[in-house]
Amino acid sequence: MKKNLAAFRYSEQKVIPLYATDAMRGASPVIPMAEQARACGLLKRTFDILFTLGVAVLGLPFYMLIALLIKLTSEGPVLFVQDRVGQDGRSFQFFKFRTMLVDNSDHQHRSFAEDFIKGRLMNGSEEGRVFKLQNDPRVTSIGRFLRKTSLDELPQFINVLRGEMTLVGPRPPLSYELAHYKEWHRGRLAVKPGLTGLWQVSGRSTVPFDEMVMLDLYYIENWSLALDMKIILRTVPVMLFGLGGY
């Protein structure tokens, strides 16, 4: 049977495909056996730690250069710390390189997030569409470059080491974004959020919200270490060329 990525429902913090049998819908999560789930989780966690430690050692001079550029081009701290929502709705502190001026209002982003989640930004033409705030005056000069290349996300390796995030998975939402979620959207909270994911390598800011969630649910159902490695490899050109970034 061909799987329809849109055919999912959310039940008791489990993502369950609607083409599953009635027995599966009633009791089984995406990875049905507890032993298999633990083994997969351990494998994924081991890969997360080893990869992150390697990147941390090799990339340290580069991180220091980014920190220096941030300090030289605007006032404020190097890191931006924000509360995000992780697995099963648990809140955690999320790290990024600061890309905005300090002491700015989030009102504009709150309005944008509501419109994005509710599909109000859709139009008749798919060509050139972007689901991201563009020309945001709050963003610094170096911040625009960091955002376009996703280099601002590098401090989230700290979140990976702390066990709050994983290398590959759905991106963590803000708490005020959850207020606009439909029930099936919450299925993306069934796993740890990721530093990269299918959304990042499938168009990023050119992908509407419902399609982003479908990609997340597809990833959750079809997870494998090979899929993680494939997404990580596909993330590299996205960062180098700023594909879909704004």
Protein backbone atom coordinates (compact mmCIF):
# COMPACT_ATOMS: atom_id res chain seq x y z
CA MET A 1 0.00 0.00 0.00
CA LYS A 2 1.35 3.41 -0.92
CA LYS A 3 1.65 5.62 2.14
CA ASN A 4 0.00 9.01 2.25
CA LEU A 5 2.22 11.32 4.30
CA ALA A 6 -0.81 13.40 5.31
CA ALA A 7 -2.64 10.42 6.77
CA PHE A 8 -1.62 10.62 10.40
CA ARG A 9 -3.35 11.20 13.68
CA TYR A 10 -1.99 12.03 17.11
CA SER A 11 -2.98 10.01 20.16
CA GLU A 12 -1.48 9.93 23.64
CA GLN A 13 1.80 11.48 22.46
CA LYS A 14 2.25 8.84 19.75
CA VAL A 15 2.28 9.38 16.01
CA ILE A 16 0.15 6.69 14.38
CA PRO A 17 -0.38 6.36 10.61
CA LEU A 18 -4.05 6.10 9.66
CA TYR A 19 -3.35 3.27 7.22
CA ALA A 20 -2.33 1.07 10.17
CA THR A 21 -4.54 -1.74 11.45
CA ASP A 22 -7.07 -1.06 14.19
CA ALA A 23 -4.88 -2.94 16.67
CA MET A 24 -1.90 -0.77 15.84
CA ARG A 25 -3.94 2.41 16.15
CA GLY A 26 -5.14 1.39 19.58
CA ALA A 27 -1.87 0.43 21.20
CA SER A 28 1.28 0.62 19.13
CA PRO A 29 3.56 3.63 18.64
CA VAL A 30 5.55 4.19 15.47
CA ILE A 31 8.33 1.90 16.74
CA PRO A 32 6.02 -0.81 18.16
CA MET A 33 8.31 -2.85 20.43
CA ALA A 34 9.77 -1.35 23.60
CA GLU A 35 13.02 -3.30 23.25
CA GLN A 36 13.51 -2.13 19.69
CA ALA A 37 12.74 1.45 20.70
CA ARG A 38 15.36 1.35 23.48
CA ALA A 39 17.99 -0.14 21.16
CA CYS A 40 17.31 2.46 18.47
CA GLY A 41 17.38 5.23 21.06
CA LEU A 42 20.74 4.06 22.40
CA LEU A 43 22.19 3.82 18.90
CA LYS A 44 20.95 7.30 18.00
CA ARG A 45 22.23 8.78 21.27
CA THR A 46 25.67 7.21 20.83
CA PHE A 47 25.93 8.60 17.32
CA ASP A 48 24.80 12.04 18.56
CA ILE A 49 27.51 12.17 21.24
CA LEU A 50 30.38 10.92 19.07
CA PHE A 51 29.50 13.19 16.15
CA THR A 52 29.02 16.23 18.40
CA LEU A 53 32.32 15.76 20.22
CA GLY A 54 34.13 15.46 16.89
CA VAL A 55 32.53 18.62 15.53
CA ALA A 56 33.21 20.49 18.78
CA VAL A 57 36.94 19.73 18.68
CA LEU A 58 37.44 20.39 14.98
CA GLY A 59 35.23 23.47 14.84
CA LEU A 60 36.39 25.31 17.99
CA PRO A 61 38.53 27.95 16.16
CA PHE A 62 35.61 28.61 13.79
CA TYR A 63 33.17 29.07 16.71
CA MET A 64 35.58 31.56 18.30
CA LEU A 65 35.75 33.53 15.04
CA ILE A 66 31.94 33.73 14.84
CA ALA A 67 31.78 34.87 18.49
CA LEU A 68 34.36 37.59 17.79
CA LEU A 69 32.44 38.87 14.75
CA ILE A 70 29.21 39.05 16.77
CA LYS A 71 30.90 41.07 19.52
CA LEU A 72 32.55 43.43 17.03
CA THR A 73 29.39 44.18 15.03
CA SER A 74 26.75 44.70 17.73
CA GLU A 75 26.26 45.14 21.45
CA GLY A 76 25.06 42.23 23.53
CA PRO A 77 25.96 38.64 24.40
CA VAL A 78 27.35 36.14 21.90
CA LEU A 79 24.74 33.52 22.67
CA PHE A 80 20.97 33.89 22.50
CA VAL A 81 19.13 31.68 24.99
CA GLN A 82 15.43 30.99 24.53
CA ASP A 83 12.84 28.63 26.00
CA ARG A 84 11.70 26.04 23.45
CA VAL A 85 9.38 23.03 23.59
CA GLY A 86 10.97 19.61 23.24
CA GLN A 87 9.92 15.97 23.40
CA ASP A 88 6.51 15.35 24.98
CA GLY A 89 6.01 19.09 25.46
CA ARG A 90 8.88 19.55 27.93
CA SER A 91 10.47 23.00 27.98
CA PHE A 92 14.24 23.50 27.72
CA GLN A 93 16.76 26.28 27.19
CA PHE A 94 17.73 26.52 23.53
CA PHE A 95 21.06 28.03 22.40
CA LYS A 96 21.90 29.99 19.25
CA PHE A 97 24.49 32.51 18.18
CA ARG A 98 22.80 35.89 18.59
CA THR A 99 21.69 37.30 15.24
CA MET A 100 19.43 40.13 16.43
CA LEU A 101 19.79 43.43 18.23
CA VAL A 102 19.11 43.15 21.94
CA ASP A 103 15.89 44.30 23.67
CA ASN A 104 13.61 43.86 20.66
CA SER A 105 9.94 42.88 20.63
CA ASP A 106 8.70 39.47 19.44
CA HIS A 107 5.27 40.83 18.45
CA GLN A 108 6.07 40.70 14.72
CA HIS A 109 7.21 37.09 14.94
CA ARG A 110 4.19 36.05 16.99
CA SER A 111 1.87 37.38 14.28
CA PHE A 112 3.94 35.76 11.55
CA ALA A 113 4.01 32.39 13.37
CA GLU A 114 0.22 32.34 13.72
CA ASP A 115 -0.28 33.13 10.03
CA PHE A 116 2.33 30.53 9.01
CA ILE A 117 0.85 27.72 11.10
CA LYS A 118 -2.72 28.50 10.03
CA GLY A 119 -1.77 28.60 6.36
CA ARG A 120 -2.64 32.26 5.84
CA LEU A 121 0.61 32.92 3.97
CA MET A 122 -0.31 30.59 1.11
CA ASN A 123 -0.93 32.09 -2.30
CA GLY A 124 -1.81 30.87 -5.76
CA SER A 125 1.77 30.65 -6.99
CA GLU A 126 4.42 28.33 -5.56
CA GLU A 127 7.26 30.03 -7.40
CA GLY A 128 9.35 32.25 -5.17
CA ARG A 129 7.23 31.74 -2.07
CA VAL A 130 9.00 32.18 1.27
CA PHE A 131 7.58 31.33 4.69
CA LYS A 132 10.03 33.41 6.70
CA LEU A 133 10.23 37.00 7.88
CA GLN A 134 12.37 38.80 5.30
CA ASN A 135 14.32 42.04 5.70
CA ASP A 136 13.73 41.92 9.45
CA PRO A 137 15.21 45.18 10.86
CA ARG A 138 16.02 43.42 14.14
CA VAL A 139 18.63 41.20 12.44
CA THR A 140 22.27 42.36 12.51
CA SER A 141 24.58 42.42 9.49
CA ILE A 142 26.53 39.34 10.54
CA GLY A 143 23.26 37.81 11.74
CA ARG A 144 21.86 37.72 8.20
CA PHE A 145 24.82 35.67 7.03
CA LEU A 146 24.63 33.33 10.04
CA ARG A 147 20.91 32.77 9.48
CA LYS A 148 21.19 32.16 5.75
CA THR A 149 23.88 29.52 6.30
CA SER A 150 22.32 28.18 9.54
CA LEU A 151 25.61 28.78 11.34
CA ASP A 152 23.64 30.47 14.10
CA GLU A 153 22.37 27.00 15.04
CA LEU A 154 25.81 25.57 15.90
CA PRO A 155 25.54 26.22 19.69
CA GLN A 156 22.70 23.68 19.73
CA PHE A 157 25.41 21.02 19.87
CA ILE A 158 25.33 21.98 23.57
CA ASN A 159 21.67 20.95 23.67
CA VAL A 160 22.58 17.68 21.94
CA LEU A 161 25.23 16.86 24.57
CA ARG A 162 22.77 17.72 27.34
CA GLY A 163 20.27 15.26 25.88
CA GLU A 164 17.61 17.89 25.15
CA MET A 165 18.04 17.64 21.39
CA THR A 166 19.35 15.21 18.80
CA LEU A 167 21.29 15.77 15.59
CA VAL A 168 18.34 14.98 13.33
CA GLY A 169 14.68 15.50 14.15
CA PRO A 170 11.83 18.05 14.07
CA ARG A 171 12.78 21.62 14.91
CA PRO A 172 11.70 22.72 18.42
CA PRO A 173 8.77 25.16 18.49
CA LEU A 174 8.21 28.15 20.73
CA SER A 175 5.55 27.79 23.40
CA TYR A 176 3.28 30.43 21.83
CA GLU A 177 3.36 28.55 18.53
CA LEU A 178 1.78 25.48 20.16
CA ALA A 179 -1.39 27.47 20.82
CA HIS A 180 -2.06 27.43 17.06
CA TYR A 181 -1.28 23.74 16.46
CA LYS A 182 -3.94 21.35 15.27
CA GLU A 183 -4.09 18.06 17.12
CA TRP A 184 -2.17 16.15 14.44
CA HIS A 185 0.60 18.77 14.42
CA ARG A 186 1.53 17.72 17.95
CA GLY A 187 2.77 14.41 16.63
CA ARG A 188 6.09 16.10 15.87
CA LEU A 189 6.65 16.41 19.64
CA ALA A 190 6.79 12.62 20.02
CA VAL A 191 10.60 12.61 19.65
CA LYS A 192 13.50 14.86 20.64
CA PRO A 193 13.87 17.95 18.46
CA GLY A 194 16.78 18.03 16.05
CA LEU A 195 19.50 20.38 14.91
CA THR A 196 18.65 19.49 11.32
CA GLY A 197 15.92 17.45 9.68
CA LEU A 198 13.99 16.62 6.52
CA TRP A 199 12.51 20.12 6.48
CA GLN A 200 15.96 21.74 6.35
CA VAL A 201 17.03 19.64 3.36
CA SER A 202 13.67 19.87 1.57
CA GLY A 203 13.40 23.61 1.02
CA ARG A 204 13.49 25.12 4.54
CA SER A 205 11.72 28.47 4.38
CA THR A 206 9.99 27.64 1.10
CA VAL A 207 8.02 24.78 2.72
CA PRO A 208 4.57 25.57 4.23
CA PHE A 209 3.88 24.49 7.79
CA ASP A 210 1.60 21.50 7.11
CA GLU A 211 4.15 20.06 4.68
CA MET A 212 6.89 20.61 7.27
CA VAL A 213 4.90 18.60 9.82
CA MET A 214 4.27 15.83 7.27
CA LEU A 215 8.03 15.61 6.69
CA ASP A 216 8.58 15.38 10.45
CA LEU A 217 6.01 12.61 10.82
CA TYR A 218 7.47 10.72 7.88
CA TYR A 219 10.91 10.94 9.51
CA ILE A 220 9.58 9.70 12.86
CA GLU A 221 7.92 6.70 11.28
CA ASN A 222 10.82 5.79 9.00
CA TRP A 223 13.78 6.57 11.27
CA SER A 224 17.06 4.76 10.75
CA LEU A 225 20.70 5.64 11.37
CA ALA A 226 21.24 5.56 7.61
CA LEU A 227 18.46 8.14 7.16
CA ASP A 228 20.08 10.37 9.81
CA MET A 229 23.44 10.18 8.03
CA LYS A 230 21.82 10.93 4.67
CA ILE A 231 20.08 14.02 6.10
CA ILE A 232 23.32 15.22 7.72
CA LEU A 233 25.19 14.87 4.41
CA ARG A 234 22.42 16.74 2.59
CA THR A 235 22.57 19.50 5.24
CA VAL A 236 26.15 20.43 4.29
CA PRO A 237 25.36 21.91 0.83
CA VAL A 238 22.25 23.58 2.28
CA MET A 239 24.50 25.42 4.75
CA LEU A 240 27.31 26.16 2.27
CA PHE A 241 24.99 27.66 -0.35
CA GLY A 242 22.29 29.03 1.97
CA LEU A 243 19.57 27.07 0.16
CA GLY A 244 16.14 28.15 1.41
CA GLY A 245 17.67 30.34 4.13
CA TYR A 246 16.70 33.95 4.94
